[in-house]
Amino acid sequence: MTTERLQEFTILANTLNFSRAADMLFISQSVLSKHIADLEEELQVKLFDRDTHGVRLTDEGRLLFHQAAMILEKAEKMEALVSKSHHRTEGMIQIRCHEQCMCDYVLRLIEGFKKKYESIEINTRVIESAGDISAMGDSDLLISPCDFMNRLFRDYAGKQVYAQRALLAIPPYHHFSDRREISLQELKGETLLVPFSDELFGPYARNHFLAVKKCGEALKKLPCESTADAILKVELGEGVMIIPHHLKAHLYQRTLALRITDPECTFPVFLYQRKNSGNAAAELFYESME
């Protein structure tokens, strides 16, 4: 089924008149009838009923009609993206990436883009803190765990491209050590280690707020300077820590990690772009990341 045939079907479904639809498509009525018959044969369903009272959509026809607009819109977007990418396969992209986002998924995104557009040079710089959109600096793109979506200026665009599930890192011999998963509500009475607690739009602070909402004042907070500092404190038994899944590989050997069952407790990854920068390669990277 081609988009051309789907477009013809959509116009006929809207008009329910072969003659009028054929005029709109600048083809003859007999050609349109043949195309619809070919489409029905291809799909092995009847799309229209025709009798002396006129033309009506069948149940299968109505189902296709409801999906057609979405399919055609996606096809148009893909065509536009391919057309743009044809003219944007050279250049350089400056990307700043927060260290919290350096998981396998993000690395595969960057590597996949580099393989597809080998003539585009990508310069990636890892940064430790991204408490504000200004962390982008003079770069074209920012990969950040911080949610600035409601605080973007008109010069920037942003979108979420990924979300890692969260784990709870616990010390050796902790009373949760016989568990494989846990809910945030069960952290009452625990000390929660929170790195980057001053980054109010970051995931560590966000997940701390979420845990407090579930536990109330029964949850103690211990701010930490970095993830490495917090991971060490977990190993030494000073508290527990909510971590992104990829950080499990960086825990000490005796530290355990439990799956957090609360679905809203995640570590998202956001991609931000400087608009109207004139860097077509950066625009291509941003549009390609879904």
Protein backbone atom coordinates (compact mmCIF):
# COMPACT_ATOMS: atom_id res chain seq x y z
CA MET A 1 0.00 0.00 0.00
CA THR A 2 1.59 3.24 -1.13
CA THR A 3 0.97 6.68 0.35
CA GLU A 4 -0.49 7.69 -3.03
CA ARG A 5 -3.15 4.97 -2.80
CA LEU A 6 -3.81 5.83 0.83
CA GLN A 7 -4.27 9.48 -0.14
CA GLU A 8 -6.76 8.50 -2.82
CA PHE A 9 -8.64 6.33 -0.33
CA THR A 10 -8.74 9.21 2.20
CA ILE A 11 -10.16 11.68 -0.31
CA LEU A 12 -12.81 9.21 -1.41
CA ALA A 13 -13.66 8.40 2.22
CA ASN A 14 -14.15 12.10 2.89
CA THR A 15 -16.30 12.78 -0.18
CA LEU A 16 -18.03 9.39 -0.56
CA ASN A 17 -18.37 10.33 -4.22
CA PHE A 18 -16.19 8.70 -6.88
CA SER A 19 -16.76 11.44 -9.43
CA ARG A 20 -15.93 14.29 -7.05
CA ALA A 21 -12.91 12.45 -5.59
CA ALA A 22 -11.57 11.70 -9.09
CA ASP A 23 -11.83 15.39 -10.00
CA MET A 24 -9.92 16.38 -6.87
CA LEU A 25 -7.21 13.84 -7.71
CA PHE A 26 -7.08 14.86 -11.41
CA ILE A 27 -7.67 11.29 -12.55
CA SER A 28 -10.61 9.61 -14.22
CA GLN A 29 -13.33 7.89 -12.25
CA SER A 30 -12.46 4.54 -13.85
CA VAL A 31 -8.82 4.87 -12.78
CA LEU A 32 -9.86 5.72 -9.22
CA SER A 33 -12.22 2.73 -9.14
CA LYS A 34 -9.40 0.45 -10.28
CA HIS A 35 -7.00 1.84 -7.68
CA ILE A 36 -9.53 1.29 -4.88
CA ALA A 37 -10.22 -2.23 -6.15
CA ASP A 38 -6.46 -2.93 -6.19
CA LEU A 39 -6.19 -1.62 -2.63
CA GLU A 40 -9.06 -3.81 -1.48
CA GLU A 41 -7.46 -6.84 -3.13
CA GLU A 42 -4.12 -6.05 -1.50
CA LEU A 43 -5.68 -5.72 1.97
CA GLN A 44 -8.12 -8.60 1.39
CA VAL A 45 -11.02 -6.51 2.73
CA LYS A 46 -13.89 -4.50 1.26
CA LEU A 47 -13.49 -0.80 2.02
CA PHE A 48 -16.61 0.67 0.40
CA ASP A 49 -20.20 -0.43 -0.21
CA ARG A 50 -21.83 0.96 -3.37
CA ASP A 51 -25.54 0.77 -4.17
CA THR A 52 -28.32 2.97 -5.49
CA HIS A 53 -28.21 5.05 -2.32
CA GLY A 54 -24.56 6.01 -2.81
CA VAL A 55 -21.17 5.09 -1.38
CA ARG A 56 -20.57 4.07 2.24
CA LEU A 57 -17.52 3.01 4.21
CA THR A 58 -17.52 -0.55 5.52
CA ASP A 59 -16.39 -1.31 9.08
CA GLU A 60 -12.93 -2.15 7.70
CA GLY A 61 -12.97 1.07 5.68
CA ARG A 62 -13.76 3.13 8.77
CA LEU A 63 -10.92 1.45 10.63
CA LEU A 64 -8.45 2.30 7.86
CA PHE A 65 -9.82 5.85 7.60
CA HIS A 66 -9.17 6.48 11.32
CA GLN A 67 -5.55 5.39 10.90
CA ALA A 68 -4.89 6.96 7.51
CA ALA A 69 -4.32 10.54 8.70
CA MET A 70 -1.69 9.43 11.21
CA ILE A 71 0.05 7.22 8.64
CA LEU A 72 0.14 10.00 6.04
CA GLU A 73 1.42 12.52 8.59
CA LYS A 74 4.26 10.20 9.60
CA ALA A 75 5.12 9.59 5.96
CA GLU A 76 5.26 13.33 5.28
CA LYS A 77 7.50 13.94 8.30
CA MET A 78 9.82 11.13 7.23
CA GLU A 79 9.99 12.47 3.70
CA ALA A 80 10.80 15.94 5.00
CA LEU A 81 13.49 14.57 7.32
CA VAL A 82 15.10 12.55 4.54
CA SER A 83 15.00 15.57 2.25
CA LYS A 84 16.66 17.75 4.89
CA SER A 85 19.27 15.17 5.80
CA HIS A 86 20.36 15.00 2.17
CA HIS A 87 21.61 18.55 2.52
CA ARG A 88 23.01 18.24 6.04
CA THR A 89 25.47 15.38 5.97
CA GLU A 90 28.57 17.43 6.60
CA GLY A 91 29.72 19.68 9.41
CA MET A 92 30.62 19.60 13.11
CA ILE A 93 28.44 19.22 16.20
CA GLN A 94 29.48 20.38 19.66
CA ILE A 95 27.68 18.36 22.35
CA ARG A 96 27.85 18.77 26.09
CA CYS A 97 26.72 15.67 27.98
CA HIS A 98 26.12 15.43 31.70
CA GLU A 99 28.03 12.55 33.27
CA GLN A 100 24.76 11.21 34.73
CA CYS A 101 23.57 10.54 31.16
CA MET A 102 26.54 8.50 30.01
CA CYS A 103 24.62 5.22 29.84
CA ASP A 104 24.82 2.62 27.06
CA TYR A 105 21.64 3.90 25.40
CA VAL A 106 22.99 7.44 24.96
CA LEU A 107 26.34 6.13 23.76
CA ARG A 108 24.57 3.97 21.15
CA LEU A 109 22.57 7.00 19.97
CA ILE A 110 25.73 8.97 19.37
CA GLU A 111 27.61 6.03 17.83
CA GLY A 112 24.66 5.18 15.56
CA PHE A 113 24.48 8.76 14.29
CA LYS A 114 28.24 8.84 13.65
CA LYS A 115 28.06 5.62 11.62
CA LYS A 116 25.13 6.88 9.56
CA TYR A 117 26.68 10.31 8.90
CA GLU A 118 30.40 9.62 8.78
CA SER A 119 31.19 13.03 7.29
CA ILE A 120 29.76 14.82 10.36
CA GLU A 121 32.29 15.34 13.13
CA ILE A 122 30.95 15.12 16.68
CA ASN A 123 32.85 16.70 19.56
CA THR A 124 31.43 15.50 22.90
CA ARG A 125 32.39 17.09 26.19
CA VAL A 126 31.34 15.54 29.51
CA ILE A 127 30.29 17.97 32.24
CA GLU A 128 29.70 17.32 35.93
CA SER A 129 26.86 19.74 36.59
CA ALA A 130 23.86 20.86 34.54
CA GLY A 131 21.64 22.75 36.94
CA ASP A 132 20.48 25.20 34.30
CA ILE A 133 20.08 25.42 30.53
CA SER A 134 23.12 27.71 30.55
CA ALA A 135 25.19 24.52 30.98
CA MET A 136 24.94 24.27 27.20
CA GLY A 137 27.47 27.09 27.00
CA ASP A 138 28.57 27.69 23.42
CA SER A 139 27.74 24.12 22.33
CA ASP A 140 25.05 23.17 19.82
CA LEU A 141 23.36 20.50 21.95
CA LEU A 142 23.06 19.51 25.60
CA ILE A 143 22.31 15.97 26.81
CA SER A 144 21.07 16.41 30.36
CA PRO A 145 19.17 14.56 33.09
CA CYS A 146 17.56 17.85 34.14
CA ASP A 147 14.01 18.71 33.17
CA PHE A 148 14.00 22.29 31.87
CA MET A 149 10.98 21.67 29.64
CA ASN A 150 8.82 24.29 31.39
CA ARG A 151 11.69 26.78 31.69
CA LEU A 152 12.99 26.88 28.14
CA PHE A 153 13.55 30.24 26.53
CA ARG A 154 12.42 30.75 22.97
CA ASP A 155 16.02 30.31 21.81
CA TYR A 156 16.03 26.63 22.88
CA ALA A 157 14.12 23.46 22.10
CA GLY A 158 14.05 20.30 24.20
CA LYS A 159 12.60 16.82 24.40
CA GLN A 160 12.94 13.63 26.45
CA VAL A 161 14.72 10.89 24.52
CA TYR A 162 15.06 8.15 27.13
CA ALA A 163 14.26 7.16 30.70
CA GLN A 164 16.30 4.71 32.79
CA ARG A 165 14.62 2.73 35.52
CA ALA A 166 15.73 3.46 39.06
CA LEU A 167 17.41 1.16 41.58
CA LEU A 168 18.01 1.45 45.31
CA ALA A 169 21.63 0.94 46.35
CA ILE A 170 21.87 -0.45 49.89
CA PRO A 171 24.86 -1.21 52.16
CA PRO A 172 26.09 -4.74 52.82
CA TYR A 173 24.08 -6.58 55.50
CA HIS A 174 21.21 -4.08 55.26
CA HIS A 175 17.82 -5.30 56.52
CA PHE A 176 16.56 -5.07 52.89
CA SER A 177 19.34 -7.38 51.66
CA ASP A 178 16.98 -10.33 51.23
CA ARG A 179 14.76 -8.31 48.87
CA ARG A 180 14.91 -8.01 45.07
CA GLU A 181 12.57 -5.03 44.74
CA ILE A 182 11.17 -2.31 46.93
CA SER A 183 8.74 0.63 46.90
CA LEU A 184 9.64 4.15 47.96
CA GLN A 185 7.07 4.02 50.75
CA GLU A 186 9.18 1.35 52.46
CA LEU A 187 12.07 3.79 52.93
CA LYS A 188 10.55 5.30 56.08
CA GLY A 189 13.25 5.71 58.70
CA GLU A 190 16.07 5.38 56.16
CA THR A 191 18.76 7.97 55.38
CA LEU A 192 18.67 8.83 51.69
CA LEU A 193 21.97 9.96 50.14
CA VAL A 194 21.25 12.64 47.52
CA PRO A 195 24.03 13.83 45.20
CA PHE A 196 23.49 17.11 43.31
CA SER A 197 20.64 17.90 45.72
CA ASP A 198 20.87 21.59 44.78
CA GLU A 199 19.97 20.82 41.14
CA LEU A 200 16.24 21.16 41.67
CA PHE A 201 15.43 20.11 38.09
CA GLY A 202 17.74 17.09 38.22
CA PRO A 203 16.68 13.46 38.79
CA TYR A 204 18.35 12.95 42.16
CA ALA A 205 16.54 15.91 43.71
CA ARG A 206 13.32 14.98 41.89
CA ASN A 207 13.40 11.39 43.14
CA HIS A 208 14.17 12.62 46.65
CA PHE A 209 11.06 14.83 46.53
CA LEU A 210 9.10 11.82 45.29
CA ALA A 211 10.39 9.62 48.13
CA VAL A 212 9.52 12.32 50.71
CA LYS A 213 6.02 12.47 49.25
CA LYS A 214 5.68 8.72 49.83
CA CYS A 215 7.41 8.61 53.24
CA GLY A 216 6.84 12.05 54.74
CA GLU A 217 9.25 13.33 57.40
CA ALA A 218 10.20 9.75 58.28
CA LEU A 219 12.85 9.88 55.53
CA LYS A 220 16.17 11.53 56.37
CA LYS A 221 18.22 13.35 53.72
CA LEU A 222 22.00 13.45 53.47
CA PRO A 223 23.31 15.70 50.62
CA CYS A 224 26.46 14.49 48.83
CA GLU A 225 28.89 16.34 46.59
CA SER A 226 28.92 13.72 43.83
CA THR A 227 27.70 10.26 42.88
CA ALA A 228 31.12 8.80 43.75
CA ASP A 229 30.87 10.32 47.23
CA ALA A 230 27.35 8.92 47.70
CA ILE A 231 28.31 5.45 46.44
CA LEU A 232 31.17 5.32 48.95
CA LYS A 233 28.87 6.37 51.78
CA VAL A 234 26.43 3.57 50.82
CA GLU A 235 29.25 1.03 51.03
CA LEU A 236 30.22 2.40 54.45
CA GLY A 237 26.66 2.01 55.70
CA GLU A 238 25.79 5.70 56.00
CA GLY A 239 22.55 5.44 54.02
CA VAL A 240 20.80 4.22 50.88
CA MET A 241 20.81 5.84 47.44
CA ILE A 242 18.44 5.99 44.44
CA ILE A 243 20.54 5.42 41.32
CA PRO A 244 20.01 5.06 37.56
CA HIS A 245 20.33 1.48 36.32
CA HIS A 246 23.64 2.05 34.48
CA LEU A 247 25.31 3.14 37.74
CA LYS A 248 24.90 -0.38 39.13
CA ALA A 249 28.16 -1.32 37.39
CA HIS A 250 29.99 1.34 39.43
CA LEU A 251 28.88 0.11 42.87
CA TYR A 252 31.32 -1.56 45.23
CA GLN A 253 31.29 -5.34 45.16
CA ARG A 254 29.36 -5.79 48.41
CA THR A 255 26.79 -3.05 47.71
CA LEU A 256 23.41 -4.40 46.60
CA ALA A 257 20.89 -2.85 44.20
CA LEU A 258 17.13 -3.43 44.40
CA ARG A 259 14.58 -2.58 41.72
CA ILE A 260 12.28 0.31 42.69
CA THR A 261 8.69 -0.57 41.80
CA ASP A 262 7.32 3.00 41.67
CA PRO A 263 6.95 3.62 37.90
CA GLU A 264 7.36 7.40 38.25
CA CYS A 265 10.79 6.97 39.86
CA THR A 266 13.08 7.16 36.81
CA PHE A 267 16.20 8.88 35.49
CA PRO A 268 15.19 10.64 32.26
CA VAL A 269 17.53 11.88 29.56
CA PHE A 270 16.71 15.15 27.80
CA LEU A 271 18.18 16.58 24.60
CA TYR A 272 18.30 20.36 24.24
CA GLN A 273 19.09 22.32 21.10
CA ARG A 274 20.01 25.92 20.47
CA LYS A 275 17.49 27.14 17.88
CA ASN A 276 18.46 29.08 14.76
CA SER A 277 22.13 28.34 15.32
CA GLY A 278 22.69 27.86 11.60
CA ASN A 279 24.25 24.45 12.28
CA ALA A 280 22.32 22.13 9.97
CA ALA A 281 24.19 19.04 11.23
CA ALA A 282 23.12 19.79 14.82
CA GLU A 283 19.52 20.22 13.67
CA LEU A 284 19.73 16.83 11.96
CA PHE A 285 21.05 15.19 15.14
CA TYR A 286 18.24 16.73 17.21
CA GLU A 287 15.53 15.68 14.76
CA SER A 288 16.93 12.16 14.48
CA MET A 289 16.80 11.50 18.22
CA GLU A 290 13.41 10.08 19.28
